[in-house]
C-alpha atoms as a PDB file:
ATOM      1  CA  MET A   1      25.660 -21.209 -32.563  1.00  0.00           C
ATOM      2  CA  VAL A   2      22.981 -18.608 -33.214  1.00  0.00           C
ATOM      3  CA  ALA A   3      20.493 -21.245 -34.379  1.00  0.00           C
ATOM      4  CA  ASP A   4      21.199 -23.311 -31.251  1.00  0.00           C
ATOM      5  CA  ALA A   5      20.615 -20.293 -29.000  1.00  0.00           C
ATOM      6  CA  LEU A   6      17.356 -19.472 -30.786  1.00  0.00           C
ATOM      7  CA  SER A   7      16.235 -23.088 -30.486  1.00  0.00           C
ATOM      8  CA  ARG A   8      16.873 -23.059 -26.727  1.00  0.00           C
ATOM      9  CA  LYS A   9      15.051 -19.734 -26.391  1.00  0.00           C
ATOM     10  CA  SER A  10      12.033 -21.152 -28.227  1.00  0.00           C
ATOM     11  CA  LEU A  11      11.997 -24.227 -25.985  1.00  0.00           C
ATOM     12  CA  HIS A  12      12.287 -22.017 -22.879  1.00  0.00           C
ATOM     13  CA  MET A  13       9.370 -19.841 -24.031  1.00  0.00           C
ATOM     14  CA  SER A  14       7.217 -22.931 -24.622  1.00  0.00           C
ATOM     15  CA  SER A  15       8.017 -24.128 -21.109  1.00  0.00           C
ATOM     16  CA  LEU A  16       7.085 -20.746 -19.618  1.00  0.00           C
ATOM     17  CA  MET A  17       3.803 -20.683 -21.542  1.00  0.00           C
ATOM     18  CA  ALA A  18       2.907 -24.166 -20.260  1.00  0.00           C
ATOM     19  CA  LYS A  19       3.650 -23.124 -16.666  1.00  0.00           C
ATOM     20  CA  GLU A  20       1.595 -19.959 -17.143  1.00  0.00           C
ATOM     21  CA  MET A  21      -1.377 -22.011 -18.330  1.00  0.00           C
ATOM     22  CA  ASP A  22      -1.052 -24.306 -15.296  1.00  0.00           C
ATOM     23  CA  LEU A  23      -1.083 -21.265 -12.984  1.00  0.00           C
ATOM     24  CA  ILE A  24      -4.128 -19.802 -14.740  1.00  0.00           C
ATOM     25  CA  GLU A  25      -6.003 -23.083 -14.339  1.00  0.00           C
ATOM     26  CA  GLU A  26      -5.038 -23.348 -10.654  1.00  0.00           C
ATOM     27  CA  PHE A  27      -6.172 -19.753 -10.045  1.00  0.00           C
ATOM     28  CA  ARG A  28      -9.488 -20.507 -11.777  1.00  0.00           C
ATOM     29  CA  ASP A  29     -10.013 -23.545  -9.539  1.00  0.00           C
ATOM     30  CA  LEU A  30      -9.455 -21.633  -6.271  1.00  0.00           C
ATOM     31  CA  SER A  31     -13.189 -20.876  -5.887  1.00  0.00           C
ATOM     32  CA  LEU A  32     -12.542 -17.330  -4.718  1.00  0.00           C
ATOM     33  CA  VAL A  33     -15.392 -15.607  -2.931  1.00  0.00           C
ATOM     34  CA  CYS A  34     -15.751 -11.854  -3.371  1.00  0.00           C
ATOM     35  CA  GLU A  35     -17.794  -9.735  -0.966  1.00  0.00           C
ATOM     36  CA  VAL A  36     -18.314  -6.062  -1.773  1.00  0.00           C
ATOM     37  CA  THR A  37     -19.151  -3.756   1.139  1.00  0.00           C
ATOM     38  CA  PRO A  38     -19.580   0.034   1.115  1.00  0.00           C
ATOM     39  CA  ARG A  39     -16.055   0.454   2.507  1.00  0.00           C
ATOM     40  CA  SER A  40     -14.133  -2.495   1.120  1.00  0.00           C
ATOM     41  CA  VAL A  41     -13.897  -5.521  -1.088  1.00  0.00           C
ATOM     42  CA  ARG A  42     -13.155  -8.798   0.674  1.00  0.00           C
ATOM     43  CA  LEU A  43     -11.635 -11.746  -1.102  1.00  0.00           C
ATOM     44  CA  GLY A  44     -11.570 -15.174   0.444  1.00  0.00           C
ATOM     45  CA  MET A  45     -10.957 -18.718  -0.540  1.00  0.00           C
ATOM     46  CA  LEU A  46     -13.428 -21.495   0.029  1.00  0.00           C
ATOM     47  CA  LYS A  47     -11.710 -24.784   0.729  1.00  0.00           C
ATOM     48  CA  LEU A  48     -13.685 -27.986   1.026  1.00  0.00           C
ATOM     49  CA  THR A  49     -12.023 -31.152   2.253  1.00  0.00           C
ATOM     50  CA  ASN A  50     -13.238 -34.683   2.691  1.00  0.00           C
ATOM     51  CA  PRO A  51     -11.761 -36.448   5.761  1.00  0.00           C
ATOM     52  CA  PHE A  52     -12.485 -39.889   4.319  1.00  0.00           C
END
């Protein structure tokens, strides 16, 4: 039973790590724009679409 539980935990951790990597790649691909002003920092997202 203990070995089975550890096996499931290992599989679950692998799944979480794969999802984390997907999220990191999606965040990287957001093309965030950062504008620093004397009073603030503005973050925006640039989204380009092709209607065709």
